C-alpha atoms as a PDB file:
ATOM      1  CA  UNK A   1     281.694 212.192 149.349  1.00  0.00           C
ATOM      2  CA  UNK A   2     278.689 214.431 149.908  1.00  0.00           C
ATOM      3  CA  UNK A   3     279.696 216.615 146.952  1.00  0.00           C
ATOM      4  CA  UNK A   4     280.015 213.841 144.425  1.00  0.00           C
ATOM      5  CA  UNK A   5     277.332 211.425 145.648  1.00  0.00           C
ATOM      6  CA  UNK A   6     274.240 213.571 145.063  1.00  0.00           C
ATOM      7  CA  UNK A   7     275.735 214.833 141.805  1.00  0.00           C
ATOM      8  CA  UNK A   8     276.186 211.342 140.363  1.00  0.00           C
ATOM      9  CA  UNK A   9     272.730 210.385 141.604  1.00  0.00           C
ATOM     10  CA  UNK A  10     271.151 213.411 139.936  1.00  0.00           C
ATOM     11  CA  UNK A  11     273.065 212.695 136.746  1.00  0.00           C
ATOM     12  CA  UNK A  12     271.794 209.114 136.723  1.00  0.00           C
ATOM     13  CA  UNK A  13     268.246 210.348 137.283  1.00  0.00           C
ATOM     14  CA  UNK A  14     268.591 212.917 134.501  1.00  0.00           C
ATOM     15  CA  UNK A  15     269.935 210.250 132.140  1.00  0.00           C
ATOM     16  CA  UNK A  16     267.019 207.986 133.019  1.00  0.00           C
ATOM     17  CA  UNK A  17     264.524 210.733 132.203  1.00  0.00           C
ATOM     18  CA  UNK A  18     266.284 211.447 128.912  1.00  0.00           C
ATOM     19  CA  UNK A  19     266.026 207.744 128.132  1.00  0.00           C
ATOM     20  CA  UNK A  20     262.320 207.854 128.897  1.00  0.00           C
ATOM     21  CA  UNK A  21     261.965 210.885 126.590  1.00  0.00           C
ATOM     22  CA  UNK A  22     263.772 209.073 123.765  1.00  0.00           C
ATOM     23  CA  UNK A  23     261.494 206.065 124.211  1.00  0.00           C
ATOM     24  CA  UNK A  24     258.576 208.473 123.972  1.00  0.00           C
ATOM     25  CA  UNK A  25     260.007 209.524 120.614  1.00  0.00           C
ATOM     26  CA  UNK A  26     260.050 205.868 119.557  1.00  0.00           C
ATOM     27  CA  UNK A  27     256.391 205.483 120.571  1.00  0.00           C
ATOM     28  CA  UNK A  28     255.470 208.553 118.515  1.00  0.00           C
ATOM     29  CA  UNK A  29     257.461 207.198 115.561  1.00  0.00           C
ATOM     30  CA  UNK A  30     255.656 203.850 115.682  1.00  0.00           C
ATOM     31  CA  UNK A  31     252.255 205.544 115.856  1.00  0.00           C
ATOM     32  CA  UNK A  32     253.027 207.785 112.864  1.00  0.00           C
ATOM     33  CA  UNK A  33     254.445 204.827 110.929  1.00  0.00           C
ATOM     34  CA  UNK A  34     251.239 202.858 111.554  1.00  0.00           C
ATOM     35  CA  UNK A  35     249.125 205.827 110.476  1.00  0.00           C
ATOM     36  CA  UNK A  36     251.124 206.374 107.275  1.00  0.00           C
ATOM     37  CA  UNK A  37     251.062 202.633 106.531  1.00  0.00           C
ATOM     38  CA  UNK A  38     247.282 202.534 106.954  1.00  0.00           C
ATOM     39  CA  UNK A  39     246.813 205.538 104.649  1.00  0.00           C
ATOM     40  CA  UNK A  40     249.108 204.125 101.963  1.00  0.00           C
ATOM     41  CA  UNK A  41     247.627 200.618 102.121  1.00  0.00           C
ATOM     42  CA  UNK A  42     244.357 201.936 100.715  1.00  0.00           C
ATOM     43  CA  UNK A  43     245.949 202.338  97.257  1.00  0.00           C
ATOM     44  CA  UNK A  44     249.472 200.842  97.319  1.00  0.00           C
ATOM     45  CA  UNK A  45     250.503 197.219  97.747  1.00  0.00           C
ATOM     46  CA  UNK A  46     252.515 196.168 100.796  1.00  0.00           C
ATOM     47  CA  UNK A  47     255.612 195.602  98.647  1.00  0.00           C
ATOM     48  CA  UNK A  48     255.296 199.116  97.217  1.00  0.00           C
ATOM     49  CA  UNK A  49     255.163 200.586 100.708  1.00  0.00           C
ATOM     50  CA  UNK A  50     258.287 198.618 101.633  1.00  0.00           C
ATOM     51  CA  UNK A  51     259.993 199.692  98.408  1.00  0.00           C
ATOM     52  CA  UNK A  52     259.406 203.402  99.033  1.00  0.00           C
ATOM     53  CA  UNK A  53     260.340 202.971 102.698  1.00  0.00           C
ATOM     54  CA  UNK A  54     263.693 201.502 101.654  1.00  0.00           C
ATOM     55  CA  UNK A  55     264.315 204.282  99.118  1.00  0.00           C
ATOM     56  CA  UNK A  56     263.745 206.992 101.724  1.00  0.00           C
ATOM     57  CA  UNK A  57     265.836 205.074 104.255  1.00  0.00           C
ATOM     58  CA  UNK A  58     268.709 204.568 101.804  1.00  0.00           C
ATOM     59  CA  UNK A  59     268.861 208.287 100.999  1.00  0.00           C
ATOM     60  CA  UNK A  60     268.955 209.224 104.689  1.00  0.00           C
ATOM     61  CA  UNK A  61     271.375 206.504 105.816  1.00  0.00           C
ATOM     62  CA  UNK A  62     273.577 206.995 102.760  1.00  0.00           C
ATOM     63  CA  UNK A  63     273.842 210.704 103.519  1.00  0.00           C
ATOM     64  CA  UNK A  64     274.774 209.977 107.146  1.00  0.00           C
ATOM     65  CA  UNK A  65     277.390 207.431 106.032  1.00  0.00           C
ATOM     66  CA  UNK A  66     278.866 209.952 103.584  1.00  0.00           C
ATOM     67  CA  UNK A  67     279.247 212.490 106.400  1.00  0.00           C
ATOM     68  CA  UNK A  68     280.633 209.916 108.851  1.00  0.00           C
ATOM     69  CA  UNK A  69     282.977 208.336 106.309  1.00  0.00           C
ATOM     70  CA  UNK A  70     282.285 205.237 104.241  1.00  0.00           C
ATOM     71  CA  UNK A  71     284.594 203.167 106.428  1.00  0.00           C
ATOM     72  CA  UNK A  72     281.796 203.037 108.999  1.00  0.00           C
ATOM     73  CA  UNK A  73     280.013 200.597 106.659  1.00  0.00           C
ATOM     74  CA  UNK A  74     282.828 198.034 106.762  1.00  0.00           C
ATOM     75  CA  UNK A  75     281.675 194.516 107.573  1.00  0.00           C
ATOM     76  CA  UNK A  76     283.026 191.007 107.400  1.00  0.00           C
ATOM     77  CA  UNK A  77     279.626 189.465 107.999  1.00  0.00           C
ATOM     78  CA  UNK A  78     277.722 190.244 104.812  1.00  0.00           C
ATOM     79  CA  UNK A  79     276.013 186.839 104.855  1.00  0.00           C
ATOM     80  CA  UNK A  80     274.567 187.526 108.300  1.00  0.00           C
ATOM     81  CA  UNK A  81     273.345 190.939 107.093  1.00  0.00           C
ATOM     82  CA  UNK A  82     271.554 189.253 104.192  1.00  0.00           C
ATOM     83  CA  UNK A  83     269.975 186.647 106.475  1.00  0.00           C
ATOM     84  CA  UNK A  84     268.947 189.307 108.977  1.00  0.00           C
ATOM     85  CA  UNK A  85     267.236 191.375 106.314  1.00  0.00           C
ATOM     86  CA  UNK A  86     265.411 188.475 104.731  1.00  0.00           C
ATOM     87  CA  UNK A  87     263.840 187.929 108.154  1.00  0.00           C
ATOM     88  CA  UNK A  88     263.341 191.666 108.731  1.00  0.00           C
ATOM     89  CA  UNK A  89     261.656 192.084 105.346  1.00  0.00           C
ATOM     90  CA  UNK A  90     259.296 189.258 106.271  1.00  0.00           C
ATOM     91  CA  UNK A  91     258.546 190.980 109.563  1.00  0.00           C
ATOM     92  CA  UNK A  92     257.867 194.291 107.864  1.00  0.00           C
ATOM     93  CA  UNK A  93     255.673 192.679 105.222  1.00  0.00           C
ATOM     94  CA  UNK A  94     253.554 190.971 107.878  1.00  0.00           C
ATOM     95  CA  UNK A  95     253.275 194.186 109.923  1.00  0.00           C
ATOM     96  CA  UNK A  96     252.315 196.515 107.064  1.00  0.00           C
ATOM     97  CA  UNK A  97     249.975 193.955 105.494  1.00  0.00           C
ATOM     98  CA  UNK A  98     248.168 193.559 108.819  1.00  0.00           C
ATOM     99  CA  UNK A  99     248.092 197.342 109.406  1.00  0.00           C
ATOM    100  CA  UNK A 100     245.922 197.715 106.301  1.00  0.00           C
ATOM    101  CA  UNK A 101     243.466 194.976 107.276  1.00  0.00           C
ATOM    102  CA  UNK A 102     243.216 194.662 111.081  1.00  0.00           C
ATOM    103  CA  UNK A 103     242.435 197.095 113.907  1.00  0.00           C
ATOM    104  CA  UNK A 104     245.641 198.951 114.731  1.00  0.00           C
ATOM    105  CA  UNK A 105     245.526 197.886 118.385  1.00  0.00           C
ATOM    106  CA  UNK A 106     245.389 194.183 117.413  1.00  0.00           C
ATOM    107  CA  UNK A 107     248.477 194.515 115.219  1.00  0.00           C
ATOM    108  CA  UNK A 108     250.431 196.295 117.963  1.00  0.00           C
ATOM    109  CA  UNK A 109     249.345 193.725 120.555  1.00  0.00           C
ATOM    110  CA  UNK A 110     250.592 190.844 118.409  1.00  0.00           C
ATOM    111  CA  UNK A 111     253.827 192.768 117.819  1.00  0.00           C
ATOM    112  CA  UNK A 112     254.408 192.808 121.580  1.00  0.00           C
ATOM    113  CA  UNK A 113     254.942 189.042 121.439  1.00  0.00           C
ATOM    114  CA  UNK A 114     258.311 189.613 119.703  1.00  0.00           C
ATOM    115  CA  UNK A 115     260.366 189.465 122.956  1.00  0.00           C
ATOM    116  CA  UNK A 116     258.686 186.167 123.833  1.00  0.00           C
ATOM    117  CA  UNK A 117     259.405 184.638 120.413  1.00  0.00           C
ATOM    118  CA  UNK A 118     262.962 185.963 120.670  1.00  0.00           C
ATOM    119  CA  UNK A 119     263.492 184.098 123.932  1.00  0.00           C
ATOM    120  CA  UNK A 120     262.120 180.886 122.409  1.00  0.00           C
ATOM    121  CA  UNK A 121     264.180 181.155 119.208  1.00  0.00           C
ATOM    122  CA  UNK A 122     267.326 182.039 121.163  1.00  0.00           C
ATOM    123  CA  UNK A 123     266.923 178.780 123.056  1.00  0.00           C
ATOM    124  CA  UNK A 124     266.325 176.773 119.872  1.00  0.00           C
ATOM    125  CA  UNK A 125     268.922 178.400 117.592  1.00  0.00           C
ATOM    126  CA  UNK A 126     271.570 179.861 119.900  1.00  0.00           C
ATOM    127  CA  UNK A 127     271.306 177.290 122.686  1.00  0.00           C
ATOM    128  CA  UNK A 128     270.554 179.993 125.220  1.00  0.00           C
ATOM    129  CA  UNK A 129     269.014 178.781 128.466  1.00  0.00           C
ATOM    130  CA  UNK A 130     265.222 178.797 128.548  1.00  0.00           C
ATOM    131  CA  UNK A 131     263.959 178.618 132.124  1.00  0.00           C
ATOM    132  CA  UNK A 132     260.624 177.146 133.067  1.00  0.00           C
ATOM    133  CA  UNK A 133     259.489 180.645 134.041  1.00  0.00           C
ATOM    134  CA  UNK A 134     260.267 182.096 130.609  1.00  0.00           C
ATOM    135  CA  UNK A 135     258.676 179.100 128.889  1.00  0.00           C
ATOM    136  CA  UNK A 136     255.521 179.700 130.915  1.00  0.00           C
ATOM    137  CA  UNK A 137     255.500 183.358 129.902  1.00  0.00           C
ATOM    138  CA  UNK A 138     255.748 182.399 126.220  1.00  0.00           C
ATOM    139  CA  UNK A 139     252.670 180.214 126.675  1.00  0.00           C
ATOM    140  CA  UNK A 140     250.945 183.097 128.487  1.00  0.00           C
ATOM    141  CA  UNK A 141     251.725 185.488 125.621  1.00  0.00           C
ATOM    142  CA  UNK A 142     250.403 182.990 123.085  1.00  0.00           C
ATOM    143  CA  UNK A 143     247.213 182.676 125.126  1.00  0.00           C
ATOM    144  CA  UNK A 144     246.816 186.453 124.856  1.00  0.00           C
ATOM    145  CA  UNK A 145     247.186 186.238 121.071  1.00  0.00           C
ATOM    146  CA  UNK A 146     244.522 183.537 120.908  1.00  0.00           C
ATOM    147  CA  UNK A 147     242.188 185.735 122.947  1.00  0.00           C
ATOM    148  CA  UNK A 148     242.616 188.496 120.339  1.00  0.00           C
ATOM    149  CA  UNK A 149     242.393 186.321 117.217  1.00  0.00           C
ATOM    150  CA  UNK A 150     239.866 183.768 118.526  1.00  0.00           C
ATOM    151  CA  UNK A 151     240.287 180.846 116.091  1.00  0.00           C
ATOM    152  CA  UNK A 152     236.896 179.596 114.967  1.00  0.00           C
ATOM    153  CA  UNK A 153     235.198 182.963 115.504  1.00  0.00           C
ATOM    154  CA  UNK A 154     235.995 184.305 112.035  1.00  0.00           C
ATOM    155  CA  UNK A 155     238.740 186.638 113.249  1.00  0.00           C
ATOM    156  CA  UNK A 156     241.641 184.339 112.306  1.00  0.00           C
ATOM    157  CA  UNK A 157     242.318 185.504 108.755  1.00  0.00           C
ATOM    158  CA  UNK A 158     245.316 185.978 106.479  1.00  0.00           C
ATOM    159  CA  UNK A 159     246.072 189.385 107.990  1.00  0.00           C
ATOM    160  CA  UNK A 160     246.112 187.879 111.491  1.00  0.00           C
ATOM    161  CA  UNK A 161     248.481 185.132 110.398  1.00  0.00           C
ATOM    162  CA  UNK A 162     250.646 187.733 108.641  1.00  0.00           C
ATOM    163  CA  UNK A 163     250.900 189.764 111.847  1.00  0.00           C
ATOM    164  CA  UNK A 164     251.833 186.687 113.876  1.00  0.00           C
ATOM    165  CA  UNK A 165     254.324 185.477 111.258  1.00  0.00           C
ATOM    166  CA  UNK A 166     255.769 188.994 111.113  1.00  0.00           C
ATOM    167  CA  UNK A 167     256.365 188.931 114.873  1.00  0.00           C
ATOM    168  CA  UNK A 168     258.282 185.648 114.581  1.00  0.00           C
ATOM    169  CA  UNK A 169     260.299 187.027 111.640  1.00  0.00           C
ATOM    170  CA  UNK A 170     261.146 190.169 113.627  1.00  0.00           C
ATOM    171  CA  UNK A 171     262.361 187.948 116.467  1.00  0.00           C
ATOM    172  CA  UNK A 172     264.728 186.197 114.055  1.00  0.00           C
ATOM    173  CA  UNK A 173     266.049 189.540 112.825  1.00  0.00           C
ATOM    174  CA  UNK A 174     266.623 190.669 116.428  1.00  0.00           C
ATOM    175  CA  UNK A 175     268.733 187.591 117.085  1.00  0.00           C
ATOM    176  CA  UNK A 176     270.837 188.405 114.016  1.00  0.00           C
ATOM    177  CA  UNK A 177     271.153 192.025 115.168  1.00  0.00           C
ATOM    178  CA  UNK A 178     272.365 190.803 118.547  1.00  0.00           C
ATOM    179  CA  UNK A 179     275.170 188.899 116.802  1.00  0.00           C
ATOM    180  CA  UNK A 180     276.049 191.833 114.523  1.00  0.00           C
ATOM    181  CA  UNK A 181     276.047 194.557 117.191  1.00  0.00           C
ATOM    182  CA  UNK A 182     279.468 193.718 118.752  1.00  0.00           C
ATOM    183  CA  UNK A 183     281.298 193.976 115.397  1.00  0.00           C
ATOM    184  CA  UNK A 184     279.299 196.267 113.092  1.00  0.00           C
ATOM    185  CA  UNK A 185     278.334 199.914 113.569  1.00  0.00           C
ATOM    186  CA  UNK A 186     274.612 200.714 113.961  1.00  0.00           C
ATOM    187  CA  UNK A 187     274.801 202.842 110.825  1.00  0.00           C
ATOM    188  CA  UNK A 188     276.186 199.857 108.908  1.00  0.00           C
ATOM    189  CA  UNK A 189     273.322 197.666 110.115  1.00  0.00           C
ATOM    190  CA  UNK A 190     270.792 200.256 108.918  1.00  0.00           C
ATOM    191  CA  UNK A 191     272.628 200.763 105.618  1.00  0.00           C
ATOM    192  CA  UNK A 192     272.667 197.068 104.709  1.00  0.00           C
ATOM    193  CA  UNK A 193     269.036 196.853 105.806  1.00  0.00           C
ATOM    194  CA  UNK A 194     268.033 199.301 103.067  1.00  0.00           C
ATOM    195  CA  UNK A 195     270.471 197.956 100.460  1.00  0.00           C
ATOM    196  CA  UNK A 196     269.359 194.335 100.852  1.00  0.00           C
ATOM    197  CA  UNK A 197     265.644 195.012 101.189  1.00  0.00           C
ATOM    198  CA  UNK A 198     265.256 197.575  98.398  1.00  0.00           C
ATOM    199  CA  UNK A 199     265.714 195.210  95.407  1.00  0.00           C
ATOM    200  CA  UNK A 200     263.629 192.485  97.062  1.00  0.00           C
ATOM    201  CA  UNK A 201     260.759 194.860  97.834  1.00  0.00           C
ATOM    202  CA  UNK A 202     261.007 196.399  94.350  1.00  0.00           C
ATOM    203  CA  UNK A 203     260.799 192.972  92.702  1.00  0.00           C
ATOM    204  CA  UNK A 204     257.640 192.218  94.670  1.00  0.00           C
ATOM    205  CA  UNK A 205     256.165 195.652  93.945  1.00  0.00           C
ATOM    206  CA  UNK A 206     256.548 195.386  90.150  1.00  0.00           C
ATOM    207  CA  UNK A 207     253.723 192.848  89.945  1.00  0.00           C
ATOM    208  CA  UNK A 208     251.110 195.343  91.168  1.00  0.00           C
ATOM    209  CA  UNK A 209     252.848 198.687  90.616  1.00  0.00           C
ATOM    210  CA  UNK A 210     250.557 201.670  91.111  1.00  0.00           C
ATOM    211  CA  UNK A 211     252.116 205.124  90.561  1.00  0.00           C
ATOM    212  CA  UNK A 212     251.548 207.170  93.729  1.00  0.00           C
ATOM    213  CA  UNK A 213     249.772 210.489  93.385  1.00  0.00           C
ATOM    214  CA  UNK A 214     251.035 213.723  94.909  1.00  0.00           C
ATOM    215  CA  UNK A 215     248.832 213.359  97.964  1.00  0.00           C
ATOM    216  CA  UNK A 216     250.573 210.109  98.902  1.00  0.00           C
ATOM    217  CA  UNK A 217     254.134 211.443  98.885  1.00  0.00           C
ATOM    218  CA  UNK A 218     253.924 213.027 102.370  1.00  0.00           C
ATOM    219  CA  UNK A 219     252.842 209.626 103.729  1.00  0.00           C
ATOM    220  CA  UNK A 220     255.667 207.904 101.812  1.00  0.00           C
ATOM    221  CA  UNK A 221     258.233 210.284 103.292  1.00  0.00           C
ATOM    222  CA  UNK A 222     256.710 209.865 106.749  1.00  0.00           C
ATOM    223  CA  UNK A 223     256.805 206.060 106.642  1.00  0.00           C
ATOM    224  CA  UNK A 224     260.477 206.148 105.639  1.00  0.00           C
ATOM    225  CA  UNK A 225     261.462 208.735 108.237  1.00  0.00           C
ATOM    226  CA  UNK A 226     259.605 207.160 111.149  1.00  0.00           C
ATOM    227  CA  UNK A 227     260.920 203.675 110.371  1.00  0.00           C
ATOM    228  CA  UNK A 228     264.443 205.002 110.948  1.00  0.00           C
ATOM    229  CA  UNK A 229     263.611 207.375 113.799  1.00  0.00           C
ATOM    230  CA  UNK A 230     261.911 204.584 115.782  1.00  0.00           C
ATOM    231  CA  UNK A 231     265.073 202.463 115.743  1.00  0.00           C
ATOM    232  CA  UNK A 232     267.284 205.468 116.491  1.00  0.00           C
ATOM    233  CA  UNK A 233     265.151 206.575 119.458  1.00  0.00           C
ATOM    234  CA  UNK A 234     265.151 203.063 120.928  1.00  0.00           C
ATOM    235  CA  UNK A 235     268.933 202.843 120.608  1.00  0.00           C
ATOM    236  CA  UNK A 236     269.357 206.223 122.327  1.00  0.00           C
ATOM    237  CA  UNK A 237     266.896 205.290 125.080  1.00  0.00           C
ATOM    238  CA  UNK A 238     268.669 202.029 125.883  1.00  0.00           C
ATOM    239  CA  UNK A 239     272.048 203.751 125.879  1.00  0.00           C
ATOM    240  CA  UNK A 240     270.870 206.256 128.505  1.00  0.00           C
ATOM    241  CA  UNK A 241     268.739 204.088 130.782  1.00  0.00           C
ATOM    242  CA  UNK A 242     268.157 200.490 131.763  1.00  0.00           C
ATOM    243  CA  UNK A 243     265.566 198.399 129.943  1.00  0.00           C
ATOM    244  CA  UNK A 244     263.240 198.204 132.964  1.00  0.00           C
ATOM    245  CA  UNK A 245     263.050 202.022 133.099  1.00  0.00           C
ATOM    246  CA  UNK A 246     262.124 202.660 129.467  1.00  0.00           C
ATOM    247  CA  UNK A 247     260.010 199.636 128.515  1.00  0.00           C
ATOM    248  CA  UNK A 248     256.885 200.797 130.429  1.00  0.00           C
ATOM    249  CA  UNK A 249     256.864 203.828 128.110  1.00  0.00           C
ATOM    250  CA  UNK A 250     256.870 201.509 125.090  1.00  0.00           C
ATOM    251  CA  UNK A 251     253.801 199.736 126.453  1.00  0.00           C
ATOM    252  CA  UNK A 252     251.906 203.023 126.077  1.00  0.00           C
ATOM    253  CA  UNK A 253     251.855 202.276 122.359  1.00  0.00           C
ATOM    254  CA  UNK A 254     248.963 199.893 122.877  1.00  0.00           C
ATOM    255  CA  UNK A 255     246.366 202.210 124.491  1.00  0.00           C
ATOM    256  CA  UNK A 256     247.524 205.138 122.342  1.00  0.00           C
ATOM    257  CA  UNK A 257     247.149 203.246 119.068  1.00  0.00           C
ATOM    258  CA  UNK A 258     243.742 201.967 120.221  1.00  0.00           C
ATOM    259  CA  UNK A 259     242.660 205.577 120.765  1.00  0.00           C
ATOM    260  CA  UNK A 260     244.121 206.558 117.393  1.00  0.00           C
ATOM    261  CA  UNK A 261     242.263 203.751 115.635  1.00  0.00           C
ATOM    262  CA  UNK A 262     239.005 204.694 117.360  1.00  0.00           C
ATOM    263  CA  UNK A 263     239.387 208.417 116.639  1.00  0.00           C
ATOM    264  CA  UNK A 264     240.454 208.215 112.984  1.00  0.00           C
ATOM    265  CA  UNK A 265     238.900 204.962 111.747  1.00  0.00           C
ATOM    266  CA  UNK A 266     236.099 204.170 114.186  1.00  0.00           C
ATOM    267  CA  UNK A 267     237.803 200.942 115.297  1.00  0.00           C
ATOM    268  CA  UNK A 268     236.439 199.298 118.423  1.00  0.00           C
ATOM    269  CA  UNK A 269     238.164 196.773 120.651  1.00  0.00           C
ATOM    270  CA  UNK A 270     235.927 194.340 122.509  1.00  0.00           C
ATOM    271  CA  UNK A 271     236.419 193.146 126.080  1.00  0.00           C
ATOM    272  CA  UNK A 272     238.035 189.814 125.177  1.00  0.00           C
ATOM    273  CA  UNK A 273     240.552 191.486 122.866  1.00  0.00           C
ATOM    274  CA  UNK A 274     241.370 194.007 125.591  1.00  0.00           C
ATOM    275  CA  UNK A 275     241.919 191.138 128.015  1.00  0.00           C
ATOM    276  CA  UNK A 276     244.222 189.462 125.505  1.00  0.00           C
ATOM    277  CA  UNK A 277     246.240 192.665 125.126  1.00  0.00           C
ATOM    278  CA  UNK A 278     246.544 192.921 128.908  1.00  0.00           C
ATOM    279  CA  UNK A 279     247.778 189.325 129.072  1.00  0.00           C
ATOM    280  CA  UNK A 280     250.464 190.007 126.423  1.00  0.00           C
ATOM    281  CA  UNK A 281     251.661 193.142 128.210  1.00  0.00           C
ATOM    282  CA  UNK A 282     251.738 191.279 131.538  1.00  0.00           C
ATOM    283  CA  UNK A 283     253.793 188.481 129.955  1.00  0.00           C
ATOM    284  CA  UNK A 284     256.287 191.082 128.688  1.00  0.00           C
ATOM    285  CA  UNK A 285     256.527 192.813 132.054  1.00  0.00           C
ATOM    286  CA  UNK A 286     257.125 189.520 133.823  1.00  0.00           C
ATOM    287  CA  UNK A 287     259.639 188.538 131.141  1.00  0.00           C
ATOM    288  CA  UNK A 288     261.675 191.650 131.983  1.00  0.00           C
ATOM    289  CA  UNK A 289     261.915 190.435 135.582  1.00  0.00           C
ATOM    290  CA  UNK A 290     262.411 186.757 134.780  1.00  0.00           C
ATOM    291  CA  UNK A 291     265.714 185.006 135.480  1.00  0.00           C
END
């Protein structure tokens, strides 16, 4: 007993730390994706960014599927894949559109409401139980958003609404992913994400097509790579460690992106916006513990 007990305990601890490290990789991926999106938004439309992101993603995922064997892409739920990616494309559009117009920290703070919207939509669409405690936390998270956007103070603009709408759309896509995960391989979910979204993003991009110059291609490659690496790192983190262990690392995105926005773009976050961000993070932390 003494030989195996400490060993299993040390293995669990090591796995937890590896999960934390993978979540750190996801945080880095999100920060680099925001940076590349901000740089590209100066000259390219949001649909163009999404188009190039899908092209890069399709090349990478297609190569992985070729090595793994095309059978890994088998699905009997193509309609759910299409629905998921219509929602996911809406989420991405709102996120990248807001990245080019709002302080980076505000966009990330609004994005942190996704788990709260997911809980609400799961109750409405999937008939999952919504406790009074979780309902209260959704209201708390929305109060944090209002503190950041401040309706009536001139801060509630199209980009703000796009960020909020993108968070709701992401929540819908997460619900679809939850239903796909038991039957479809993660690689299949990523593959159909690029296949479905590429023609839609391309159609939107054709209206305002602007040929990228050579200086933009590193950012294009980076936005495509980090979009995939963020999802992969999260999946690895959650496979190695429990949600409560890795989520505090994800919350580091908020102060880190605020520092990044201040350092690179001179963005400042006032006291009320900081309080709103703290409220959203607190609502998420409490939501992890809620029953």
